């Protein structure tokens, strides 16, 4: 991932439910999705992002996404909130 420091410094919502909420409210700038996450978790957020024309960036693993978000567990989805 090229934006490692950016995710820790930006206002980020971590998790599918939190990310979906900011996407639905039109507050998401970009959404990161782990490629190894369960499709049942990520399919809704992918659909919302496509509908709202929000950029999706795929990350290899949930562990990597969690790490760049500054948490010690994996994350399926993370959304950067517009400031």
PDB file of N, CA and C in Angstrom:
ATOM      1  N   UNK A   1       0.837  -1.193   0.000  1.00  0.00           N
ATOM      2  CA  UNK A   1       0.000   0.000   0.000  1.00  0.00           C
ATOM      3  C   UNK A   1       0.866   1.234   0.000  1.00  0.00           C
ATOM      4  N   UNK A   2       0.509   2.180  -0.805  1.00  0.00           N
ATOM      5  CA  UNK A   2       1.326   3.373  -0.930  1.00  0.00           C
ATOM      6  C   UNK A   2       0.943   4.454   0.072  1.00  0.00           C
ATOM      7  N   UNK A   3      -0.254   4.400   0.641  1.00  0.00           N
ATOM      8  CA  UNK A   3      -0.763   5.487   1.473  1.00  0.00           C
ATOM      9  C   UNK A   3      -0.740   5.128   2.959  1.00  0.00           C
ATOM     10  N   UNK A   4       0.276   4.384   3.401  1.00  0.00           N
ATOM     11  CA  UNK A   4       0.300   3.870   4.770  1.00  0.00           C
ATOM     12  C   UNK A   4       0.129   4.950   5.836  1.00  0.00           C
ATOM     13  N   UNK A   5       0.917   5.999   5.776  1.00  0.00           N
ATOM     14  CA  UNK A   5       0.817   7.054   6.794  1.00  0.00           C
ATOM     15  C   UNK A   5      -0.491   7.814   6.658  1.00  0.00           C
ATOM     16  N   UNK A   6      -0.984   7.921   5.446  1.00  0.00           N
ATOM     17  CA  UNK A   6      -2.220   8.654   5.211  1.00  0.00           C
ATOM     18  C   UNK A   6      -3.403   8.068   5.949  1.00  0.00           C
ATOM     19  N   UNK A   7      -3.492   6.751   6.048  1.00  0.00           N
ATOM     20  CA  UNK A   7      -4.610   6.139   6.753  1.00  0.00           C
ATOM     21  C   UNK A   7      -4.526   6.373   8.250  1.00  0.00           C
ATOM     22  N   UNK A   8      -3.330   6.396   8.790  1.00  0.00           N
ATOM     23  CA  UNK A   8      -3.200   6.634  10.226  1.00  0.00           C
ATOM     24  C   UNK A   8      -3.458   8.101  10.556  1.00  0.00           C
ATOM     25  N   UNK A   9      -3.137   8.990   9.630  1.00  0.00           N
ATOM     26  CA  UNK A   9      -3.292  10.419   9.882  1.00  0.00           C
ATOM     27  C   UNK A   9      -4.695  10.926   9.551  1.00  0.00           C
ATOM     28  N   UNK A  10      -5.387  10.267   8.638  1.00  0.00           N
ATOM     29  CA  UNK A  10      -6.712  10.714   8.205  1.00  0.00           C
ATOM     30  C   UNK A  10      -7.776  10.269   9.206  1.00  0.00           C
ATOM     31  N   UNK A  11      -8.949  10.874   9.088  1.00  0.00           N
ATOM     32  CA  UNK A  11     -10.084  10.450   9.887  1.00  0.00           C
ATOM     33  C   UNK A  11     -10.674   9.236   9.200  1.00  0.00           C
ATOM     34  N   UNK A  12     -10.547   8.069   9.828  1.00  0.00           N
ATOM     35  CA  UNK A  12     -10.915   6.809   9.199  1.00  0.00           C
ATOM     36  C   UNK A  12     -11.989   6.103  10.014  1.00  0.00           C
ATOM     37  N   UNK A  13     -12.966   5.538   9.310  1.00  0.00           N
ATOM     38  CA  UNK A  13     -13.962   4.669   9.934  1.00  0.00           C
ATOM     39  C   UNK A  13     -13.588   3.249   9.546  1.00  0.00           C
ATOM     40  N   UNK A  14     -13.415   2.399  10.546  1.00  0.00           N
ATOM     41  CA  UNK A  14     -12.969   1.035  10.314  1.00  0.00           C
ATOM     42  C   UNK A  14     -14.132   0.077  10.542  1.00  0.00           C
ATOM     43  N   UNK A  15     -14.284  -0.857   9.624  1.00  0.00           N
ATOM     44  CA  UNK A  15     -15.347  -1.846   9.718  1.00  0.00           C
ATOM     45  C   UNK A  15     -16.420  -1.616   8.671  1.00  0.00           C
ATOM     46  N   UNK A  16     -17.066  -2.698   8.264  1.00  0.00           N
ATOM     47  CA  UNK A  16     -18.045  -2.623   7.179  1.00  0.00           C
ATOM     48  C   UNK A  16     -19.247  -1.751   7.539  1.00  0.00           C
ATOM     49  N   UNK A  17     -19.762  -1.885   8.753  1.00  0.00           N
ATOM     50  CA  UNK A  17     -20.943  -1.103   9.135  1.00  0.00           C
ATOM     51  C   UNK A  17     -20.626   0.382   9.214  1.00  0.00           C
ATOM     52  N   UNK A  18     -19.501   0.722   9.831  1.00  0.00           N
ATOM     53  CA  UNK A  18     -19.109   2.130   9.956  1.00  0.00           C
ATOM     54  C   UNK A  18     -18.826   2.738   8.586  1.00  0.00           C
ATOM     55  N   UNK A  19     -18.137   1.985   7.742  1.00  0.00           N
ATOM     56  CA  UNK A  19     -17.818   2.483   6.403  1.00  0.00           C
ATOM     57  C   UNK A  19     -19.089   2.663   5.580  1.00  0.00           C
ATOM     58  N   UNK A  20     -20.000   1.705   5.660  1.00  0.00           N
ATOM     59  CA  UNK A  20     -21.257   1.810   4.912  1.00  0.00           C
ATOM     60  C   UNK A  20     -22.027   3.052   5.332  1.00  0.00           C
ATOM     61  N   UNK A  21     -21.999   3.354   6.612  1.00  0.00           N
ATOM     62  CA  UNK A  21     -22.722   4.525   7.112  1.00  0.00           C
ATOM     63  C   UNK A  21     -22.179   5.824   6.507  1.00  0.00           C
ATOM     64  N   UNK A  22     -20.854   5.980   6.482  1.00  0.00           N
ATOM     65  CA  UNK A  22     -20.293   7.218   5.931  1.00  0.00           C
ATOM     66  C   UNK A  22     -20.465   7.290   4.419  1.00  0.00           C
ATOM     67  N   UNK A  23     -20.456   6.138   3.744  1.00  0.00           N
ATOM     68  CA  UNK A  23     -20.705   6.125   2.296  1.00  0.00           C
ATOM     69  C   UNK A  23     -22.144   6.558   2.024  1.00  0.00           C
ATOM     70  N   UNK A  24     -23.094   6.005   2.768  1.00  0.00           N
ATOM     71  CA  UNK A  24     -24.510   6.350   2.588  1.00  0.00           C
ATOM     72  C   UNK A  24     -24.776   7.825   2.872  1.00  0.00           C
ATOM     73  N   UNK A  25     -24.034   8.400   3.805  1.00  0.00           N
ATOM     74  CA  UNK A  25     -24.202   9.811   4.147  1.00  0.00           C
ATOM     75  C   UNK A  25     -23.449  10.743   3.193  1.00  0.00           C
ATOM     76  N   UNK A  26     -22.708  10.154   2.251  1.00  0.00           N
ATOM     77  CA  UNK A  26     -21.953  10.955   1.293  1.00  0.00           C
ATOM     78  C   UNK A  26     -20.716  11.596   1.883  1.00  0.00           C
ATOM     79  N   UNK A  27     -20.207  11.018   2.961  1.00  0.00           N
ATOM     80  CA  UNK A  27     -19.059  11.600   3.657  1.00  0.00           C
ATOM     81  C   UNK A  27     -17.753  10.857   3.386  1.00  0.00           C
ATOM     82  N   UNK A  28     -17.808   9.779   2.610  1.00  0.00           N
ATOM     83  CA  UNK A  28     -16.596   8.994   2.348  1.00  0.00           C
ATOM     84  C   UNK A  28     -15.839   9.560   1.155  1.00  0.00           C
ATOM     85  N   UNK A  29     -14.531   9.659   1.330  1.00  0.00           N
ATOM     86  CA  UNK A  29     -13.657  10.131   0.261  1.00  0.00           C
ATOM     87  C   UNK A  29     -13.120   8.949  -0.546  1.00  0.00           C
ATOM     88  N   UNK A  30     -12.754   7.891   0.167  1.00  0.00           N
ATOM     89  CA  UNK A  30     -12.183   6.696  -0.455  1.00  0.00           C
ATOM     90  C   UNK A  30     -12.417   5.528   0.488  1.00  0.00           C
ATOM     91  N   UNK A  31     -12.596   4.335  -0.072  1.00  0.00           N
ATOM     92  CA  UNK A  31     -12.833   3.137   0.731  1.00  0.00           C
ATOM     93  C   UNK A  31     -11.760   2.104   0.409  1.00  0.00           C
ATOM     94  N   UNK A  32     -11.211   1.492   1.448  1.00  0.00           N
ATOM     95  CA  UNK A  32     -10.217   0.433   1.313  1.00  0.00           C
ATOM     96  C   UNK A  32     -10.879  -0.886   1.690  1.00  0.00           C
ATOM     97  N   UNK A  33     -10.675  -1.912   0.863  1.00  0.00           N
ATOM     98  CA  UNK A  33     -11.275  -3.212   1.104  1.00  0.00           C
ATOM     99  C   UNK A  33     -10.193  -4.282   1.030  1.00  0.00           C
ATOM    100  N   UNK A  34     -10.177  -5.163   2.034  1.00  0.00           N
ATOM    101  CA  UNK A  34      -9.214  -6.274   2.038  1.00  0.00           C
ATOM    102  C   UNK A  34      -9.697  -7.358   1.087  1.00  0.00           C
ATOM    103  N   UNK A  35      -8.812  -7.823   0.216  1.00  0.00           N
ATOM    104  CA  UNK A  35      -9.182  -8.828  -0.778  1.00  0.00           C
ATOM    105  C   UNK A  35      -9.492 -10.185  -0.157  1.00  0.00           C
ATOM    106  N   UNK A  36      -8.961 -10.454   1.028  1.00  0.00           N
ATOM    107  CA  UNK A  36      -9.229 -11.751   1.661  1.00  0.00           C
ATOM    108  C   UNK A  36     -10.425 -11.707   2.609  1.00  0.00           C
ATOM    109  N   UNK A  37     -11.149 -10.599   2.636  1.00  0.00           N
ATOM    110  CA  UNK A  37     -12.329 -10.474   3.488  1.00  0.00           C
ATOM    111  C   UNK A  37     -13.490 -11.273   2.888  1.00  0.00           C
ATOM    112  N   UNK A  38     -14.408 -11.678   3.738  1.00  0.00           N
ATOM    113  CA  UNK A  38     -15.587 -12.434   3.316  1.00  0.00           C
ATOM    114  C   UNK A  38     -16.448 -11.582   2.383  1.00  0.00           C
ATOM    115  N   UNK A  39     -16.767 -12.075   1.197  1.00  0.00           N
ATOM    116  CA  UNK A  39     -17.592 -11.308   0.258  1.00  0.00           C
ATOM    117  C   UNK A  39     -18.958 -10.919   0.833  1.00  0.00           C
ATOM    118  N   UNK A  40     -19.477 -11.702   1.785  1.00  0.00           N
ATOM    119  CA  UNK A  40     -20.755 -11.339   2.416  1.00  0.00           C
ATOM    120  C   UNK A  40     -20.619 -10.043   3.202  1.00  0.00           C
ATOM    121  N   UNK A  41     -19.413  -9.756   3.651  1.00  0.00           N
ATOM    122  CA  UNK A  41     -19.153  -8.524   4.402  1.00  0.00           C
ATOM    123  C   UNK A  41     -18.905  -7.351   3.453  1.00  0.00           C
ATOM    124  N   UNK A  42     -18.216  -7.602   2.364  1.00  0.00           N
ATOM    125  CA  UNK A  42     -17.775  -6.515   1.495  1.00  0.00           C
ATOM    126  C   UNK A  42     -18.714  -6.193   0.334  1.00  0.00           C
ATOM    127  N   UNK A  43     -19.598  -7.106  -0.027  1.00  0.00           N
ATOM    128  CA  UNK A  43     -20.428  -6.890  -1.224  1.00  0.00           C
ATOM    129  C   UNK A  43     -21.327  -5.662  -1.097  1.00  0.00           C
ATOM    130  N   UNK A  44     -21.908  -5.423   0.076  1.00  0.00           N
ATOM    131  CA  UNK A  44     -22.781  -4.263   0.253  1.00  0.00           C
ATOM    132  C   UNK A  44     -22.001  -2.960   0.068  1.00  0.00           C
ATOM    133  N   UNK A  45     -20.841  -2.875   0.679  1.00  0.00           N
ATOM    134  CA  UNK A  45     -20.053  -1.641   0.610  1.00  0.00           C
ATOM    135  C   UNK A  45     -19.548  -1.407  -0.815  1.00  0.00           C
ATOM    136  N   UNK A  46     -19.215  -2.471  -1.529  1.00  0.00           N
ATOM    137  CA  UNK A  46     -18.782  -2.319  -2.923  1.00  0.00           C
ATOM    138  C   UNK A  46     -19.927  -1.746  -3.757  1.00  0.00           C
ATOM    139  N   UNK A  47     -21.117  -2.268  -3.556  1.00  0.00           N
ATOM    140  CA  UNK A  47     -22.284  -1.759  -4.274  1.00  0.00           C
ATOM    141  C   UNK A  47     -22.572  -0.302  -3.960  1.00  0.00           C
ATOM    142  N   UNK A  48     -22.474   0.066  -2.686  1.00  0.00           N
ATOM    143  CA  UNK A  48     -22.704   1.455  -2.277  1.00  0.00           C
ATOM    144  C   UNK A  48     -21.669   2.389  -2.899  1.00  0.00           C
ATOM    145  N   UNK A  49     -20.419   1.950  -2.914  1.00  0.00           N
ATOM    146  CA  UNK A  49     -19.347   2.778  -3.483  1.00  0.00           C
ATOM    147  C   UNK A  49     -19.534   2.960  -4.985  1.00  0.00           C
ATOM    148  N   UNK A  50     -19.902   1.893  -5.666  1.00  0.00           N
ATOM    149  CA  UNK A  50     -20.123   1.985  -7.109  1.00  0.00           C
ATOM    150  C   UNK A  50     -21.283   2.934  -7.410  1.00  0.00           C
ATOM    151  N   UNK A  51     -22.337   2.843  -6.640  1.00  0.00           N
ATOM    152  CA  UNK A  51     -23.508   3.705  -6.832  1.00  0.00           C
ATOM    153  C   UNK A  51     -23.165   5.175  -6.591  1.00  0.00           C
ATOM    154  N   UNK A  52     -22.323   5.429  -5.579  1.00  0.00           N
ATOM    155  CA  UNK A  52     -21.970   6.800  -5.208  1.00  0.00           C
ATOM    156  C   UNK A  52     -20.693   7.289  -5.899  1.00  0.00           C
ATOM    157  N   UNK A  53     -20.115   6.479  -6.779  1.00  0.00           N
ATOM    158  CA  UNK A  53     -18.861   6.818  -7.482  1.00  0.00           C
ATOM    159  C   UNK A  53     -17.727   7.154  -6.522  1.00  0.00           C
ATOM    160  N   UNK A  54     -17.588   6.340  -5.493  1.00  0.00           N
ATOM    161  CA  UNK A  54     -16.506   6.515  -4.518  1.00  0.00           C
ATOM    162  C   UNK A  54     -15.387   5.537  -4.872  1.00  0.00           C
ATOM    163  N   UNK A  55     -14.161   6.033  -4.860  1.00  0.00           N
ATOM    164  CA  UNK A  55     -12.998   5.227  -5.219  1.00  0.00           C
ATOM    165  C   UNK A  55     -12.801   4.088  -4.218  1.00  0.00           C
ATOM    166  N   UNK A  56     -12.597   2.894  -4.766  1.00  0.00           N
ATOM    167  CA  UNK A  56     -12.291   1.718  -3.948  1.00  0.00           C
ATOM    168  C   UNK A  56     -10.848   1.324  -4.208  1.00  0.00           C
ATOM    169  N   UNK A  57     -10.096   1.133  -3.127  1.00  0.00           N
ATOM    170  CA  UNK A  57      -8.725   0.649  -3.224  1.00  0.00           C
ATOM    171  C   UNK A  57      -8.669  -0.697  -2.525  1.00  0.00           C
ATOM    172  N   UNK A  58      -8.167  -1.696  -3.232  1.00  0.00           N
ATOM    173  CA  UNK A  58      -8.075  -3.037  -2.650  1.00  0.00           C
ATOM    174  C   UNK A  58      -6.714  -3.245  -2.009  1.00  0.00           C
ATOM    175  N   UNK A  59      -6.739  -3.853  -0.826  1.00  0.00           N
ATOM    176  CA  UNK A  59      -5.541  -4.178  -0.058  1.00  0.00           C
ATOM    177  C   UNK A  59      -5.447  -5.695  -0.011  1.00  0.00           C
ATOM    178  N   UNK A  60      -4.251  -6.238  -0.010  1.00  0.00           N
ATOM    179  CA  UNK A  60      -4.075  -7.691  -0.089  1.00  0.00           C
ATOM    180  C   UNK A  60      -4.756  -8.455   1.045  1.00  0.00           C
ATOM    181  N   UNK A  61      -4.510  -8.028   2.297  1.00  0.00           N
ATOM    182  CA  UNK A  61      -5.032  -8.808   3.424  1.00  0.00           C
ATOM    183  C   UNK A  61      -5.703  -7.923   4.471  1.00  0.00           C
ATOM    184  N   UNK A  62      -6.573  -8.548   5.255  1.00  0.00           N
ATOM    185  CA  UNK A  62      -7.220  -7.850   6.363  1.00  0.00           C
ATOM    186  C   UNK A  62      -6.174  -7.419   7.399  1.00  0.00           C
ATOM    187  N   UNK A  63      -5.183  -8.264   7.614  1.00  0.00           N
ATOM    188  CA  UNK A  63      -4.122  -7.945   8.572  1.00  0.00           C
ATOM    189  C   UNK A  63      -3.383  -6.674   8.152  1.00  0.00           C
ATOM    190  N   UNK A  64      -3.056  -6.573   6.865  1.00  0.00           N
ATOM    191  CA  UNK A  64      -2.350  -5.387   6.355  1.00  0.00           C
ATOM    192  C   UNK A  64      -3.222  -4.133   6.498  1.00  0.00           C
ATOM    193  N   UNK A  65      -4.504  -4.242   6.178  1.00  0.00           N
ATOM    194  CA  UNK A  65      -5.398  -3.089   6.292  1.00  0.00           C
ATOM    195  C   UNK A  65      -5.527  -2.639   7.742  1.00  0.00           C
ATOM    196  N   UNK A  66      -5.661  -3.585   8.654  1.00  0.00           N
ATOM    197  CA  UNK A  66      -5.721  -3.235  10.071  1.00  0.00           C
ATOM    198  C   UNK A  66      -4.450  -2.537  10.531  1.00  0.00           C
ATOM    199  N   UNK A  67      -3.317  -3.036  10.085  1.00  0.00           N
ATOM    200  CA  UNK A  67      -2.024  -2.460  10.468  1.00  0.00           C
ATOM    201  C   UNK A  67      -1.901  -1.005  10.008  1.00  0.00           C
ATOM    202  N   UNK A  68      -2.248  -0.733   8.727  1.00  0.00           N
ATOM    203  CA  UNK A  68      -2.106   0.639   8.232  1.00  0.00           C
ATOM    204  C   UNK A  68      -3.145   1.580   8.848  1.00  0.00           C
ATOM    205  N   UNK A  69      -4.220   1.000   9.404  1.00  0.00           N
ATOM    206  CA  UNK A  69      -5.217   1.820  10.105  1.00  0.00           C
ATOM    207  C   UNK A  69      -4.815   2.067  11.548  1.00  0.00           C
ATOM    208  N   UNK A  70      -3.735   1.417  11.983  1.00  0.00           N
ATOM    209  CA  UNK A  70      -3.248   1.634  13.337  1.00  0.00           C
ATOM    210  C   UNK A  70      -3.927   0.770  14.380  1.00  0.00           C
ATOM    211  N   UNK A  71      -4.531  -0.343  13.964  1.00  0.00           N
ATOM    212  CA  UNK A  71      -5.130  -1.263  14.931  1.00  0.00           C
ATOM    213  C   UNK A  71      -4.384  -2.587  14.875  1.00  0.00           C
ATOM    214  N   UNK A  72      -4.517  -3.378  15.934  1.00  0.00           N
ATOM    215  CA  UNK A  72      -3.733  -4.606  16.032  1.00  0.00           C
ATOM    216  C   UNK A  72      -4.478  -5.838  15.530  1.00  0.00           C
ATOM    217  N   UNK A  73      -5.685  -5.645  14.995  1.00  0.00           N
ATOM    218  CA  UNK A  73      -6.446  -6.754  14.432  1.00  0.00           C
ATOM    219  C   UNK A  73      -6.718  -6.458  12.964  1.00  0.00           C
ATOM    220  N   UNK A  74      -7.164  -7.459  12.242  1.00  0.00           N
ATOM    221  CA  UNK A  74      -7.464  -7.272  10.839  1.00  0.00           C
ATOM    222  C   UNK A  74      -8.714  -6.430  10.634  1.00  0.00           C
ATOM    223  N   UNK A  75      -8.821  -5.836   9.474  1.00  0.00           N
ATOM    224  CA  UNK A  75     -10.012  -5.045   9.111  1.00  0.00           C
ATOM    225  C   UNK A  75     -10.412  -5.402   7.688  1.00  0.00           C
ATOM    226  N   UNK A  76     -11.700  -5.634   7.483  1.00  0.00           N
ATOM    227  CA  UNK A  76     -12.193  -5.971   6.150  1.00  0.00           C
ATOM    228  C   UNK A  76     -12.350  -4.711   5.303  1.00  0.00           C
ATOM    229  N   UNK A  77     -12.801  -3.625   5.956  1.00  0.00           N
ATOM    230  CA  UNK A  77     -13.125  -2.393   5.245  1.00  0.00           C
ATOM    231  C   UNK A  77     -12.705  -1.197   6.086  1.00  0.00           C
ATOM    232  N   UNK A  78     -12.248  -0.148   5.427  1.00  0.00           N
ATOM    233  CA  UNK A  78     -11.963   1.128   6.084  1.00  0.00           C
ATOM    234  C   UNK A  78     -12.326   2.244   5.109  1.00  0.00           C
ATOM    235  N   UNK A  79     -12.906   3.311   5.638  1.00  0.00           N
ATOM    236  CA  UNK A  79     -13.298   4.441   4.799  1.00  0.00           C
ATOM    237  C   UNK A  79     -12.657   5.716   5.318  1.00  0.00           C
ATOM    238  N   UNK A  80     -12.095   6.507   4.405  1.00  0.00           N
ATOM    239  CA  UNK A  80     -11.564   7.810   4.773  1.00  0.00           C
ATOM    240  C   UNK A  80     -12.712   8.810   4.698  1.00  0.00           C
ATOM    241  N   UNK A  81     -12.909   9.530   5.796  1.00  0.00           N
ATOM    242  CA  UNK A  81     -13.998  10.507   5.881  1.00  0.00           C
ATOM    243  C   UNK A  81     -13.524  11.859   5.375  1.00  0.00           C
ATOM    244  N   UNK A  82     -14.352  12.491   4.540  1.00  0.00           N
ATOM    245  CA  UNK A  82     -14.030  13.826   4.037  1.00  0.00           C
ATOM    246  C   UNK A  82     -13.952  14.790   5.211  1.00  0.00           C
ATOM    247  N   UNK A  83     -12.988  15.709   5.114  1.00  0.00           N
ATOM    248  CA  UNK A  83     -12.850  16.720   6.179  1.00  0.00           C
ATOM    249  C   UNK A  83     -13.531  18.006   5.805  1.00  0.00           C
TER     250      UNK A  83
END
